[in-house]
Protein backbone atom coordinates (compact mmCIF):
# COMPACT_ATOMS: atom_id res chain seq x y z
CA MET A 1 2.46 10.98 -0.73
CA CYS A 2 0.10 8.20 -1.39
CA ASN A 3 -3.21 8.91 0.21
CA GLU A 4 -5.57 6.79 -2.01
CA ALA A 5 -5.42 3.21 -3.46
CA TYR A 6 -7.77 0.95 -5.04
CA ARG A 7 -8.62 -2.80 -5.14
CA ARG A 8 -10.92 -4.78 -7.57
CA THR A 9 -9.40 -8.15 -7.02
CA GLN A 10 -11.98 -10.61 -5.33
CA ILE A 11 -11.07 -12.63 -2.49
CA GLY A 12 -11.29 -15.98 -4.26
CA GLN A 13 -8.54 -14.88 -6.74
CA LEU A 14 -6.37 -13.49 -3.90
CA ARG A 15 -6.67 -16.76 -1.94
CA ASP A 16 -5.70 -18.76 -4.99
CA ASP A 17 -2.69 -16.64 -5.79
CA TRP A 18 -1.63 -16.62 -2.24
CA HIS A 19 -1.66 -20.33 -2.00
CA ASP A 20 1.26 -20.50 -4.41
CA LEU A 21 3.34 -18.65 -2.01
CA ARG A 22 3.13 -21.68 0.53
CA VAL A 23 2.36 -19.41 3.48
CA PRO A 24 -0.88 -20.60 5.22
CA LEU A 25 -3.39 -17.55 5.31
CA ARG A 26 -5.75 -17.62 8.33
CA PHE A 27 -8.89 -15.54 8.78
CA PRO A 28 -9.49 -14.99 12.50
CA GLU A 29 -12.16 -12.84 12.17
CA GLY A 30 -13.91 -14.59 9.41
CA ILE A 31 -13.50 -14.24 5.62
CA PRO A 32 -13.98 -10.44 4.81
CA ASN A 33 -16.46 -9.39 2.36
CA PHE A 34 -13.64 -7.88 0.31
CA ALA A 35 -15.90 -5.70 -1.70
CA PRO A 36 -14.33 -3.91 -4.82
CA LEU A 37 -13.02 -0.60 -3.82
CA GLU A 38 -12.49 1.96 -6.53
CA GLY A 39 -10.74 4.12 -4.01
CA PHE A 40 -9.92 3.77 -0.36
CA LYS A 41 -8.42 6.86 1.69
CA ILE A 42 -6.99 7.63 5.17
CA THR A 43 -8.94 6.38 8.13
CA ASP A 44 -11.04 3.78 6.06
CA ARG A 45 -11.02 0.18 7.25
CA VAL A 46 -9.33 -2.08 4.76
CA GLU A 47 -8.01 -5.73 4.75
CA ILE A 48 -4.29 -6.24 5.57
CA ILE A 49 -2.23 -9.51 5.92
CA ARG A 50 0.22 -9.71 8.79
CA PRO A 51 2.15 -12.40 10.49
CA ALA A 52 0.08 -14.70 12.72
CA ALA A 53 0.45 -13.74 16.25
CA ASP A 54 0.82 -17.44 17.46
CA ALA A 55 2.66 -18.74 14.26
CA PRO A 56 5.25 -16.50 12.92
CA HIS A 57 5.47 -18.60 9.71
CA GLU A 58 1.76 -18.27 8.91
CA ALA A 59 -0.21 -15.09 7.99
CA GLU A 60 -3.64 -13.81 8.93
CA MET A 61 -5.83 -11.27 7.21
CA VAL A 62 -7.84 -8.78 9.44
CA THR A 63 -9.73 -5.52 8.56
CA ARG A 64 -7.99 -2.55 10.00
CA ARG A 65 -7.95 1.29 10.03
CA TRP A 66 -5.59 3.13 7.59
CA SER A 67 -3.61 5.53 9.79
CA TRP A 68 -3.29 6.25 13.48
CA PRO A 69 -3.16 9.79 14.96
CA GLY A 70 0.52 11.41 15.15
CA PRO A 71 1.52 14.49 16.77
CA GLY A 72 -1.10 17.07 16.90
CA GLY A 73 -3.69 14.61 15.49
CA LYS A 74 -2.43 14.55 12.14
CA PRO A 75 -2.88 11.09 10.55
CA VAL A 76 0.25 8.93 10.03
CA TYR A 77 -0.79 7.24 6.84
CA ASN A 78 2.73 7.09 5.21
CA PHE A 79 5.79 5.88 7.19
CA ARG A 80 9.32 6.33 5.93
CA SER A 81 11.27 3.01 5.64
CA ASP A 82 14.76 4.61 5.10
CA GLY A 83 17.19 3.30 7.69
CA ARG A 84 14.60 1.70 9.93
CA GLN A 85 14.44 -1.90 11.08
CA ILE A 86 10.92 -3.17 10.85
CA ALA A 87 10.14 -5.75 13.52
CA HIS A 88 8.75 -8.65 11.91
CA ALA A 89 5.72 -8.70 14.04
CA SER A 90 4.75 -5.24 13.13
CA ARG A 91 5.11 -5.69 9.33
CA CYS A 92 1.86 -6.11 7.29
CA LEU A 93 0.93 -6.27 3.65
CA ILE A 94 -1.95 -4.17 1.97
CA PRO A 95 -3.38 -6.05 -1.03
CA VAL A 96 -4.23 -3.42 -3.87
CA ASP A 97 -4.63 -3.36 -7.74
CA GLY A 98 -3.04 0.03 -7.77
CA PHE A 99 -2.43 3.36 -6.06
CA PHE A 100 -2.72 7.02 -6.82
CA GLU A 101 -0.44 9.97 -7.03
CA PHE A 102 -1.39 13.63 -7.73
CA THR A 103 0.27 16.34 -9.43
CA ASP A 104 -0.50 20.03 -10.10
CA PRO A 105 -3.24 20.64 -12.63
CA PRO A 106 -2.03 21.38 -16.08
CA VAL A 107 -1.21 24.95 -17.11
CA PRO A 108 -3.83 26.34 -19.40
CA PRO A 109 -2.87 27.41 -22.97
CA PRO A 110 -1.62 30.89 -23.33
CA GLY A 111 -4.43 33.48 -23.14
CA GLU A 112 -6.61 31.43 -21.07
CA PRO A 113 -7.39 32.21 -17.46
CA LYS A 114 -6.15 29.77 -14.75
CA PRO A 115 -9.21 28.26 -13.03
CA LYS A 116 -9.41 29.38 -9.27
CA ARG A 117 -9.96 25.72 -8.22
CA ALA A 118 -8.62 23.42 -10.74
CA PRO A 119 -8.49 19.88 -9.59
CA LYS A 120 -4.95 18.13 -9.40
CA SER A 121 -4.06 15.65 -11.92
CA LYS A 122 -4.56 12.19 -10.71
CA TRP A 123 -2.35 9.36 -12.02
CA ALA A 124 -3.16 5.65 -11.34
CA PHE A 125 -0.09 3.17 -10.92
CA SER A 126 -0.38 -0.66 -11.31
CA LEU A 127 2.03 -3.51 -11.45
CA ARG A 128 2.74 -4.54 -14.89
CA ASP A 129 1.66 -8.25 -15.64
CA GLN A 130 0.12 -8.58 -12.22
CA PRO A 131 -3.49 -8.00 -11.49
CA TRP A 132 -2.85 -7.29 -7.85
CA PHE A 133 0.13 -6.71 -5.57
CA CYS A 134 0.87 -5.68 -1.99
CA ILE A 135 2.12 -2.44 -0.53
CA ALA A 136 4.37 -2.93 2.30
CA GLY A 137 3.15 -1.51 5.64
CA ILE A 138 3.70 -1.37 9.29
CA TRP A 139 0.77 -1.66 12.03
CA ARG A 140 0.54 -0.68 15.62
CA SER A 141 -2.11 -0.49 18.42
CA ASP A 142 -3.07 3.11 19.12
CA PRO A 143 -5.11 4.02 22.33
CA GLN A 144 -7.33 6.28 20.47
CA VAL A 145 -8.13 4.17 17.37
CA GLY A 146 -7.17 0.66 18.17
CA GLU A 147 -4.95 -1.39 15.86
CA ALA A 148 -4.09 0.54 12.64
CA TRP A 149 -1.65 0.54 9.71
CA SER A 150 0.47 2.77 7.62
CA MET A 151 1.97 2.33 4.21
CA LEU A 152 5.89 2.42 4.05
CA THR A 153 7.56 4.52 1.71
CA CYS A 154 11.03 4.71 0.03
CA PRO A 155 12.91 6.84 -2.49
CA PRO A 156 11.09 6.88 -5.76
CA GLY A 157 11.98 4.63 -8.56
CA PRO A 158 12.07 5.75 -12.23
CA ASP A 159 8.45 5.03 -12.84
CA VAL A 160 7.35 7.31 -9.97
CA ALA A 161 9.97 9.95 -9.96
CA PRO A 162 8.38 12.09 -12.62
CA TYR A 163 5.25 12.36 -10.38
CA HIS A 164 6.41 12.52 -6.90
CA HIS A 165 9.60 12.63 -4.57
CA ARG A 166 8.60 9.57 -2.66
CA GLN A 167 6.85 6.44 -3.34
CA VAL A 168 5.08 3.51 -1.46
CA VAL A 169 7.02 0.27 -1.17
CA VAL A 170 5.65 -2.00 -3.93
CA LEU A 171 5.93 -5.66 -3.46
CA PRO A 172 5.14 -8.14 -6.33
CA LEU A 173 3.68 -11.41 -5.14
CA ASP A 174 7.22 -13.24 -5.01
CA ARG A 175 8.28 -10.63 -2.45
CA CYS A 176 5.30 -10.78 -0.33
CA ALA A 177 6.21 -13.94 1.49
CA ARG A 178 9.71 -12.61 2.20
CA TRP A 179 8.39 -9.60 3.79
CA LEU A 180 6.46 -11.73 6.34
CA ASP A 181 9.73 -13.78 6.84
CA PRO A 182 11.49 -12.83 9.94
CA ALA A 183 14.84 -13.80 8.54
CA VAL A 184 14.66 -11.12 5.80
CA PRO A 185 15.76 -7.48 6.71
CA ALA A 186 13.20 -4.98 5.83
CA ALA A 187 15.86 -2.90 3.98
CA GLU A 188 16.24 -5.62 1.27
CA LEU A 189 12.68 -5.06 0.25
CA CYS A 190 12.04 -1.38 0.88
CA GLN A 191 13.48 -0.43 -2.50
CA PRO A 192 11.92 1.04 -5.66
CA LEU A 193 11.37 -1.51 -8.59
CA PRO A 194 13.26 -1.20 -11.85
CA ALA A 195 12.17 0.91 -14.56
CA GLY A 196 9.09 -0.38 -16.48
CA SER A 197 7.72 -2.20 -13.54
CA LEU A 198 4.77 0.09 -13.14
CA GLU A 199 2.14 0.96 -15.56
CA VAL A 200 1.00 4.64 -15.23
CA ARG A 201 -2.31 6.05 -16.60
CA GLN A 202 -3.95 9.51 -16.08
CA VAL A 203 -7.37 9.20 -14.80
CA ARG A 204 -8.02 12.89 -14.20
């Protein structure tokens, strides 16, 4: 499952692009630093966009922790969307430039020994023809860590299936406003994209 993503887009570009969605975006805790992140991981604090508490047709950006503690303390960083009704107030968006998946390291050529601790192969997924996009998420308040979020997952599309049996829910910009719309059922958007929507490159 996805346990690392990256974001290089600057806040100025995000605000300009978001403006085209015609959903007012607030910054109740101030405009974040939004420093480039070559890779953020579980328990890191990262910016999310969610419905504004006092104005359901507006949005707000806040910085919150990725994952809350689950049973036995194991972090809940991915959350299955299959068959769930995701309440509007608990929906959020995680702006990213891309996300990573990992596969078993390549098999060495015949006759060569297999390394004892060979690192897994690492693959970066980005959205074709868009510099940034959002991953659909869900947020909640946890008594141990406060407000935290998790990425929603769905069955893999054709671009991800060769690498993993699940994938995060990828939302191009034109679907982000719909994710924050209380009239749109979550199931309509928690679906994989068509083949060729994602670009894949090996980074390790």
